[in-house]
PDB file of N, CA and C in Angstrom:
ATOM      1  N   MET A   1     295.672 217.924 149.736  1.00  0.00           N
ATOM      2  CA  MET A   1     296.150 218.061 148.394  1.00  0.00           C
ATOM      3  C   MET A   1     295.764 219.453 147.895  1.00  0.00           C
ATOM      4  N   THR A   2     296.701 220.093 147.263  1.00  0.00           N
ATOM      5  CA  THR A   2     296.444 221.412 146.712  1.00  0.00           C
ATOM      6  C   THR A   2     296.260 221.294 145.207  1.00  0.00           C
ATOM      7  N   ALA A   3     295.174 221.798 144.728  1.00  0.00           N
ATOM      8  CA  ALA A   3     294.915 221.805 143.285  1.00  0.00           C
ATOM      9  C   ALA A   3     295.095 223.233 142.786  1.00  0.00           C
ATOM     10  N   PHE A   4     295.984 223.393 141.843  1.00  0.00           N
ATOM     11  CA  PHE A   4     296.214 224.712 141.280  1.00  0.00           C
ATOM     12  C   PHE A   4     295.266 224.931 140.114  1.00  0.00           C
ATOM     13  N   ARG A   5     294.714 226.101 140.068  1.00  0.00           N
ATOM     14  CA  ARG A   5     293.799 226.413 138.977  1.00  0.00           C
ATOM     15  C   ARG A   5     294.612 226.870 137.777  1.00  0.00           C
ATOM     16  N   ARG A   6     294.600 226.078 136.750  1.00  0.00           N
ATOM     17  CA  ARG A   6     295.331 226.434 135.536  1.00  0.00           C
ATOM     18  C   ARG A   6     294.440 227.289 134.643  1.00  0.00           C
ATOM     19  N   GLN A   7     295.022 228.296 134.071  1.00  0.00           N
ATOM     20  CA  GLN A   7     294.262 229.183 133.193  1.00  0.00           C
ATOM     21  C   GLN A   7     293.917 228.509 131.867  1.00  0.00           C
ATOM     22  N   ASN A   8     294.881 227.745 131.338  1.00  0.00           N
ATOM     23  CA  ASN A   8     294.659 227.107 130.045  1.00  0.00           C
ATOM     24  C   ASN A   8     295.312 225.727 130.058  1.00  0.00           C
ATOM     25  N   PRO A   9     294.611 224.717 130.523  1.00  0.00           N
ATOM     26  CA  PRO A   9     295.239 223.396 130.634  1.00  0.00           C
ATOM     27  C   PRO A   9     295.622 222.792 129.290  1.00  0.00           C
ATOM     28  N   ARG A  10     294.958 223.183 128.244  1.00  0.00           N
ATOM     29  CA  ARG A  10     295.298 222.641 126.933  1.00  0.00           C
ATOM     30  C   ARG A  10     296.694 223.072 126.506  1.00  0.00           C
ATOM     31  N   ARG A  11     297.075 224.260 126.868  1.00  0.00           N
ATOM     32  CA  ARG A  11     298.418 224.736 126.529  1.00  0.00           C
ATOM     33  C   ARG A  11     299.474 223.902 127.263  1.00  0.00           C
ATOM     34  N   ASP A  12     299.203 223.535 128.520  1.00  0.00           N
ATOM     35  CA  ASP A  12     300.131 222.702 129.272  1.00  0.00           C
ATOM     36  C   ASP A  12     300.253 221.320 128.645  1.00  0.00           C
ATOM     37  N   GLU A  13     299.119 220.756 128.278  1.00  0.00           N
ATOM     38  CA  GLU A  13     299.157 219.446 127.645  1.00  0.00           C
ATOM     39  C   GLU A  13     299.862 219.509 126.307  1.00  0.00           C
ATOM     40  N   LEU A  14     299.635 220.567 125.559  1.00  0.00           N
ATOM     41  CA  LEU A  14     300.302 220.742 124.273  1.00  0.00           C
ATOM     42  C   LEU A  14     301.802 220.908 124.469  1.00  0.00           C
ATOM     43  N   SER A  15     302.182 221.646 125.508  1.00  0.00           N
ATOM     44  CA  SER A  15     303.594 221.830 125.803  1.00  0.00           C
ATOM     45  C   SER A  15     304.262 220.505 126.174  1.00  0.00           C
ATOM     46  N   ASP A  16     303.564 219.686 126.963  1.00  0.00           N
ATOM     47  CA  ASP A  16     304.099 218.365 127.302  1.00  0.00           C
ATOM     48  C   ASP A  16     304.252 217.495 126.062  1.00  0.00           C
ATOM     49  N   MET A  17     303.276 217.580 125.170  1.00  0.00           N
ATOM     50  CA  MET A  17     303.345 216.809 123.932  1.00  0.00           C
ATOM     51  C   MET A  17     304.509 217.291 123.065  1.00  0.00           C
ATOM     52  N   HIS A  18     304.725 218.598 123.022  1.00  0.00           N
ATOM     53  CA  HIS A  18     305.850 219.147 122.261  1.00  0.00           C
ATOM     54  C   HIS A  18     307.186 218.709 122.856  1.00  0.00           C
ATOM     55  N   GLN A  19     307.256 218.690 124.179  1.00  0.00           N
ATOM     56  CA  GLN A  19     308.488 218.275 124.830  1.00  0.00           C
ATOM     57  C   GLN A  19     308.788 216.809 124.537  1.00  0.00           C
ATOM     58  N   GLY A  20     307.782 215.958 124.580  1.00  0.00           N
ATOM     59  CA  GLY A  20     307.972 214.549 124.251  1.00  0.00           C
ATOM     60  C   GLY A  20     308.385 214.353 122.808  1.00  0.00           C
ATOM     61  N   SER A  21     307.761 215.104 121.922  1.00  0.00           N
ATOM     62  CA  SER A  21     308.103 215.018 120.499  1.00  0.00           C
ATOM     63  C   SER A  21     309.541 215.487 120.259  1.00  0.00           C
ATOM     64  N   ALA A  22     309.949 216.542 120.954  1.00  0.00           N
ATOM     65  CA  ALA A  22     311.314 217.058 120.792  1.00  0.00           C
ATOM     66  C   ALA A  22     312.348 216.060 121.315  1.00  0.00           C
ATOM     67  N   MET A  23     312.058 215.415 122.432  1.00  0.00           N
ATOM     68  CA  MET A  23     312.998 214.418 122.964  1.00  0.00           C
ATOM     69  C   MET A  23     313.101 213.211 122.039  1.00  0.00           C
ATOM     70  N   GLN A  24     311.969 212.786 121.496  1.00  0.00           N
ATOM     71  CA  GLN A  24     311.985 211.654 120.565  1.00  0.00           C
ATOM     72  C   GLN A  24     312.752 212.021 119.296  1.00  0.00           C
ATOM     73  N   PHE A  25     312.567 213.231 118.782  1.00  0.00           N
ATOM     74  CA  PHE A  25     313.293 213.684 117.606  1.00  0.00           C
ATOM     75  C   PHE A  25     314.792 213.724 117.864  1.00  0.00           C
ATOM     76  N   ALA A  26     315.189 214.221 119.048  1.00  0.00           N
ATOM     77  CA  ALA A  26     316.614 214.289 119.393  1.00  0.00           C
ATOM     78  C   ALA A  26     317.204 212.889 119.535  1.00  0.00           C
ATOM     79  N   LEU A  27     316.467 211.959 120.121  1.00  0.00           N
ATOM     80  CA  LEU A  27     316.959 210.592 120.273  1.00  0.00           C
ATOM     81  C   LEU A  27     317.156 209.925 118.919  1.00  0.00           C
ATOM     82  N   VAL A  28     316.182 210.074 118.039  1.00  0.00           N
ATOM     83  CA  VAL A  28     316.305 209.492 116.701  1.00  0.00           C
ATOM     84  C   VAL A  28     317.462 210.142 115.943  1.00  0.00           C
ATOM     85  N   SER A  29     317.618 211.455 116.084  1.00  0.00           N
ATOM     86  CA  SER A  29     318.735 212.149 115.433  1.00  0.00           C
ATOM     87  C   SER A  29     320.069 211.656 115.964  1.00  0.00           C
ATOM     88  N   LEU A  30     320.174 211.493 117.289  1.00  0.00           N
ATOM     89  CA  LEU A  30     321.423 211.028 117.888  1.00  0.00           C
ATOM     90  C   LEU A  30     321.760 209.613 117.434  1.00  0.00           C
ATOM     91  N   VAL A  31     320.772 208.739 117.416  1.00  0.00           N
ATOM     92  CA  VAL A  31     321.021 207.364 116.961  1.00  0.00           C
ATOM     93  C   VAL A  31     321.442 207.365 115.497  1.00  0.00           C
ATOM     94  N   GLY A  32     320.794 208.180 114.681  1.00  0.00           N
ATOM     95  CA  GLY A  32     321.176 208.282 113.273  1.00  0.00           C
ATOM     96  C   GLY A  32     322.597 208.783 113.088  1.00  0.00           C
ATOM     97  N   ILE A  33     322.971 209.798 113.838  1.00  0.00           N
ATOM     98  CA  ILE A  33     324.331 210.330 113.748  1.00  0.00           C
ATOM     99  C   ILE A  33     325.350 209.297 114.226  1.00  0.00           C
ATOM    100  N   LEU A  34     325.042 208.576 115.303  1.00  0.00           N
ATOM    101  CA  LEU A  34     325.960 207.549 115.797  1.00  0.00           C
ATOM    102  C   LEU A  34     326.129 206.411 114.793  1.00  0.00           C
ATOM    103  N   VAL A  35     325.048 206.052 114.105  1.00  0.00           N
ATOM    104  CA  VAL A  35     325.146 205.012 113.069  1.00  0.00           C
ATOM    105  C   VAL A  35     326.026 205.491 111.929  1.00  0.00           C
ATOM    106  N   ILE A  36     325.852 206.733 111.514  1.00  0.00           N
ATOM    107  CA  ILE A  36     326.669 207.283 110.425  1.00  0.00           C
ATOM    108  C   ILE A  36     328.132 207.351 110.829  1.00  0.00           C
ATOM    109  N   VAL A  37     328.421 207.833 112.042  1.00  0.00           N
ATOM    110  CA  VAL A  37     329.812 207.918 112.520  1.00  0.00           C
ATOM    111  C   VAL A  37     330.424 206.521 112.623  1.00  0.00           C
ATOM    112  N   GLY A  38     329.679 205.569 113.145  1.00  0.00           N
ATOM    113  CA  GLY A  38     330.185 204.199 113.233  1.00  0.00           C
ATOM    114  C   GLY A  38     330.457 203.607 111.870  1.00  0.00           C
ATOM    115  N   PHE A  39     329.577 203.871 110.913  1.00  0.00           N
ATOM    116  CA  PHE A  39     329.774 203.365 109.557  1.00  0.00           C
ATOM    117  C   PHE A  39     331.006 203.981 108.919  1.00  0.00           C
ATOM    118  N   ILE A  40     331.204 205.278 109.107  1.00  0.00           N
ATOM    119  CA  ILE A  40     332.368 205.961 108.530  1.00  0.00           C
ATOM    120  C   ILE A  40     333.665 205.397 109.105  1.00  0.00           C
ATOM    121  N   TYR A  41     333.738 205.269 110.426  1.00  0.00           N
ATOM    122  CA  TYR A  41     334.972 204.761 111.032  1.00  0.00           C
ATOM    123  C   TYR A  41     335.194 203.287 110.696  1.00  0.00           C
ATOM    124  N   THR A  42     334.148 202.501 110.591  1.00  0.00           N
ATOM    125  CA  THR A  42     334.307 201.104 110.191  1.00  0.00           C
ATOM    126  C   THR A  42     334.811 201.015 108.757  1.00  0.00           C
ATOM    127  N   THR A  43     334.256 201.845 107.886  1.00  0.00           N
ATOM    128  CA  THR A  43     334.702 201.861 106.491  1.00  0.00           C
ATOM    129  C   THR A  43     336.148 202.322 106.384  1.00  0.00           C
ATOM    130  N   LEU A  44     336.525 203.333 107.144  1.00  0.00           N
ATOM    131  CA  LEU A  44     337.921 203.806 107.122  1.00  0.00           C
ATOM    132  C   LEU A  44     338.872 202.707 107.579  1.00  0.00           C
ATOM    133  N   ASN A  45     338.486 201.954 108.597  1.00  0.00           N
ATOM    134  CA  ASN A  45     339.355 200.871 109.079  1.00  0.00           C
ATOM    135  C   ASN A  45     339.428 199.720 108.077  1.00  0.00           C
ATOM    136  N   LEU A  46     338.374 199.493 107.326  1.00  0.00           N
ATOM    137  CA  LEU A  46     338.411 198.431 106.325  1.00  0.00           C
ATOM    138  C   LEU A  46     339.201 198.838 105.086  1.00  0.00           C
ATOM    139  N   ILE A  47     339.144 200.111 104.721  1.00  0.00           N
ATOM    140  CA  ILE A  47     339.854 200.581 103.529  1.00  0.00           C
ATOM    141  C   ILE A  47     341.355 200.658 103.780  1.00  0.00           C
ATOM    142  N   ASP A  48     341.769 201.270 104.867  1.00  0.00           N
ATOM    143  CA  ASP A  48     343.197 201.472 105.156  1.00  0.00           C
ATOM    144  C   ASP A  48     343.538 200.704 106.433  1.00  0.00           C
ATOM    145  N   ARG A  49     344.054 199.514 106.280  1.00  0.00           N
ATOM    146  CA  ARG A  49     344.359 198.673 107.436  1.00  0.00           C
ATOM    147  C   ARG A  49     345.680 199.042 108.111  1.00  0.00           C
ATOM    148  N   SER A  50     346.487 199.899 107.484  1.00  0.00           N
ATOM    149  CA  SER A  50     347.766 200.258 108.086  1.00  0.00           C
ATOM    150  C   SER A  50     347.594 201.257 109.231  1.00  0.00           C
ATOM    151  N   ILE A  51     346.544 202.036 109.200  1.00  0.00           N
ATOM    152  CA  ILE A  51     346.267 203.020 110.246  1.00  0.00           C
ATOM    153  C   ILE A  51     344.953 202.647 110.913  1.00  0.00           C
ATOM    154  N   VAL A  52     344.957 202.563 112.237  1.00  0.00           N
ATOM    155  CA  VAL A  52     343.730 202.265 112.976  1.00  0.00           C
ATOM    156  C   VAL A  52     343.036 203.593 113.288  1.00  0.00           C
ATOM    157  N   HIS A  53     341.863 203.741 112.747  1.00  0.00           N
ATOM    158  CA  HIS A  53     341.085 204.957 112.983  1.00  0.00           C
ATOM    159  C   HIS A  53     340.201 204.721 114.212  1.00  0.00           C
ATOM    160  N   ILE A  54     340.417 205.534 115.231  1.00  0.00           N
ATOM    161  CA  ILE A  54     339.679 205.404 116.493  1.00  0.00           C
ATOM    162  C   ILE A  54     338.795 206.636 116.657  1.00  0.00           C
ATOM    163  N   ILE A  55     337.583 206.399 117.082  1.00  0.00           N
ATOM    164  CA  ILE A  55     336.669 207.510 117.336  1.00  0.00           C
ATOM    165  C   ILE A  55     337.217 208.308 118.517  1.00  0.00           C
ATOM    166  N   PRO A  56     337.368 209.618 118.355  1.00  0.00           N
ATOM    167  CA  PRO A  56     337.878 210.428 119.459  1.00  0.00           C
ATOM    168  C   PRO A  56     336.963 210.315 120.688  1.00  0.00           C
ATOM    169  N   PRO A  57     337.557 210.187 121.877  1.00  0.00           N
ATOM    170  CA  PRO A  57     336.733 209.976 123.072  1.00  0.00           C
ATOM    171  C   PRO A  57     335.780 211.130 123.382  1.00  0.00           C
ATOM    172  N   MET A  58     336.109 212.333 123.005  1.00  0.00           N
ATOM    173  CA  MET A  58     335.234 213.473 123.299  1.00  0.00           C
ATOM    174  C   MET A  58     334.123 213.638 122.269  1.00  0.00           C
ATOM    175  N   LEU A  59     334.121 212.808 121.232  1.00  0.00           N
ATOM    176  CA  LEU A  59     333.073 212.910 120.223  1.00  0.00           C
ATOM    177  C   LEU A  59     331.719 212.473 120.789  1.00  0.00           C
ATOM    178  N   LEU A  60     331.697 211.440 121.604  1.00  0.00           N
ATOM    179  CA  LEU A  60     330.428 210.949 122.151  1.00  0.00           C
ATOM    180  C   LEU A  60     329.773 211.953 123.101  1.00  0.00           C
ATOM    181  N   PRO A  61     330.518 212.547 124.068  1.00  0.00           N
ATOM    182  CA  PRO A  61     329.874 213.588 124.896  1.00  0.00           C
ATOM    183  C   PRO A  61     329.454 214.809 124.077  1.00  0.00           C
ATOM    184  N   ALA A  62     330.237 215.135 123.054  1.00  0.00           N
ATOM    185  CA  ALA A  62     329.872 216.273 122.199  1.00  0.00           C
ATOM    186  C   ALA A  62     328.577 215.978 121.444  1.00  0.00           C
ATOM    187  N   LEU A  63     328.413 214.746 120.974  1.00  0.00           N
ATOM    188  CA  LEU A  63     327.177 214.377 120.290  1.00  0.00           C
ATOM    189  C   LEU A  63     325.988 214.369 121.253  1.00  0.00           C
ATOM    190  N   ALA A  64     326.227 213.969 122.495  1.00  0.00           N
ATOM    191  CA  ALA A  64     325.150 213.994 123.490  1.00  0.00           C
ATOM    192  C   ALA A  64     324.705 215.436 123.766  1.00  0.00           C
ATOM    193  N   MET A  65     325.651 216.348 123.872  1.00  0.00           N
ATOM    194  CA  MET A  65     325.305 217.756 124.069  1.00  0.00           C
ATOM    195  C   MET A  65     324.603 218.318 122.838  1.00  0.00           C
ATOM    196  N   CYS A  66     325.011 217.860 121.662  1.00  0.00           N
ATOM    197  CA  CYS A  66     324.346 218.262 120.430  1.00  0.00           C
ATOM    198  C   CYS A  66     322.901 217.772 120.422  1.00  0.00           C
ATOM    199  N   ALA A  67     322.670 216.559 120.916  1.00  0.00           N
ATOM    200  CA  ALA A  67     321.302 216.034 120.992  1.00  0.00           C
ATOM    201  C   ALA A  67     320.441 216.873 121.942  1.00  0.00           C
ATOM    202  N   LEU A  68     321.020 217.334 123.050  1.00  0.00           N
ATOM    203  CA  LEU A  68     320.277 218.217 123.958  1.00  0.00           C
ATOM    204  C   LEU A  68     319.931 219.538 123.282  1.00  0.00           C
ATOM    205  N   ALA A  69     320.893 220.067 122.518  1.00  0.00           N
ATOM    206  CA  ALA A  69     320.631 221.319 121.800  1.00  0.00           C
ATOM    207  C   ALA A  69     319.551 221.111 120.737  1.00  0.00           C
ATOM    208  N   ILE A  70     319.597 219.971 120.041  1.00  0.00           N
ATOM    209  CA  ILE A  70     318.580 219.665 119.035  1.00  0.00           C
ATOM    210  C   ILE A  70     317.209 219.558 119.697  1.00  0.00           C
ATOM    211  N   SER A  71     317.159 218.931 120.857  1.00  0.00           N
ATOM    212  CA  SER A  71     315.897 218.796 121.583  1.00  0.00           C
ATOM    213  C   SER A  71     315.339 220.165 121.964  1.00  0.00           C
ATOM    214  N   ASP A  72     316.191 221.047 122.456  1.00  0.00           N
ATOM    215  CA  ASP A  72     315.747 222.390 122.829  1.00  0.00           C
ATOM    216  C   ASP A  72     315.271 223.177 121.615  1.00  0.00           C
ATOM    217  N   ILE A  73     316.015 223.078 120.520  1.00  0.00           N
ATOM    218  CA  ILE A  73     315.643 223.803 119.305  1.00  0.00           C
ATOM    219  C   ILE A  73     314.306 223.307 118.775  1.00  0.00           C
ATOM    220  N   ARG A  74     314.136 221.990 118.751  1.00  0.00           N
ATOM    221  CA  ARG A  74     312.880 221.409 118.257  1.00  0.00           C
ATOM    222  C   ARG A  74     311.704 221.817 119.155  1.00  0.00           C
ATOM    223  N   TYR A  75     311.913 221.794 120.465  1.00  0.00           N
ATOM    224  CA  TYR A  75     310.851 222.193 121.398  1.00  0.00           C
ATOM    225  C   TYR A  75     310.449 223.656 121.181  1.00  0.00           C
ATOM    226  N   LEU A  76     311.443 224.524 121.069  1.00  0.00           N
ATOM    227  CA  LEU A  76     311.146 225.945 120.864  1.00  0.00           C
ATOM    228  C   LEU A  76     310.463 226.177 119.522  1.00  0.00           C
ATOM    229  N   TRP A  77     310.865 225.410 118.506  1.00  0.00           N
ATOM    230  CA  TRP A  77     310.241 225.537 117.190  1.00  0.00           C
ATOM    231  C   TRP A  77     308.767 225.121 117.261  1.00  0.00           C
ATOM    232  N   LEU A  78     308.487 223.996 117.936  1.00  0.00           N
ATOM    233  CA  LEU A  78     307.109 223.533 118.066  1.00  0.00           C
ATOM    234  C   LEU A  78     306.273 224.498 118.885  1.00  0.00           C
ATOM    235  N   GLU A  79     306.858 225.045 119.951  1.00  0.00           N
ATOM    236  CA  GLU A  79     306.138 226.009 120.776  1.00  0.00           C
ATOM    237  C   GLU A  79     305.864 227.297 120.001  1.00  0.00           C
ATOM    238  N   HIS A  80     306.818 227.704 119.171  1.00  0.00           N
ATOM    239  CA  HIS A  80     306.631 228.920 118.372  1.00  0.00           C
ATOM    240  C   HIS A  80     305.512 228.715 117.355  1.00  0.00           C
ATOM    241  N   ASP A  81     305.490 227.553 116.714  1.00  0.00           N
ATOM    242  CA  ASP A  81     304.427 227.266 115.754  1.00  0.00           C
ATOM    243  C   ASP A  81     303.076 227.178 116.437  1.00  0.00           C
ATOM    244  N   ALA A  82     303.025 226.636 117.638  1.00  0.00           N
ATOM    245  CA  ALA A  82     301.762 226.531 118.371  1.00  0.00           C
ATOM    246  C   ALA A  82     301.309 227.901 118.865  1.00  0.00           C
ATOM    247  N   GLY A  83     302.245 228.807 119.095  1.00  0.00           N
ATOM    248  CA  GLY A  83     301.906 230.134 119.593  1.00  0.00           C
ATOM    249  C   GLY A  83     301.245 230.995 118.547  1.00  0.00           C
ATOM    250  N   THR A  84     301.440 230.681 117.262  1.00  0.00           N
ATOM    251  CA  THR A  84     300.834 231.494 116.215  1.00  0.00           C
ATOM    252  C   THR A  84     299.374 231.144 116.000  1.00  0.00           C
ATOM    253  N   GLU A  85     298.957 229.959 116.443  1.00  0.00           N
ATOM    254  CA  GLU A  85     297.565 229.553 116.327  1.00  0.00           C
ATOM    255  C   GLU A  85     296.763 230.159 117.478  1.00  0.00           C
ATOM    256  N   GLY A  86     295.494 230.282 117.297  1.00  0.00           N
ATOM    257  CA  GLY A  86     294.646 230.815 118.357  1.00  0.00           C
ATOM    258  C   GLY A  86     294.384 229.783 119.435  1.00  0.00           C
ATOM    259  N   ASP A  87     294.136 230.248 120.648  1.00  0.00           N
ATOM    260  CA  ASP A  87     293.793 229.354 121.740  1.00  0.00           C
ATOM    261  C   ASP A  87     292.340 228.963 121.645  1.00  0.00           C
ATOM    262  N   ASP A  88     292.052 227.753 122.030  1.00  0.00           N
ATOM    263  CA  ASP A  88     290.658 227.304 122.100  1.00  0.00           C
ATOM    264  C   ASP A  88     290.064 227.802 123.396  1.00  0.00           C
ATOM    265  N   GLU A  89     289.026 228.538 123.311  1.00  0.00           N
ATOM    266  CA  GLU A  89     288.385 229.038 124.521  1.00  0.00           C
ATOM    267  C   GLU A  89     287.038 228.357 124.673  1.00  0.00           C
ATOM    268  N   ASP A  90     286.797 227.829 125.842  1.00  0.00           N
ATOM    269  CA  ASP A  90     285.524 227.177 126.113  1.00  0.00           C
ATOM    270  C   ASP A  90     284.702 227.993 127.075  1.00  0.00           C
TER     271      ASP A  90
END
């Protein structure tokens, strides 16, 4: 087994924590957006029964890509905020 000597293991752990937080934020954002879109289309179908409003098929993949972008943005934001603080040196 090869053990790599890390210069600052706390930064790695912090980065992992930021990545998990960013993924959780993106998932919650995606679920929230999907609930809002579903509510809007359901309301449109209930209000105007003469026209069937269908969610465009490319909207779901576009929202998934948006969630990935949100995750990346959140991760970079958290990493930037953590970079302004000083490192703990032992």
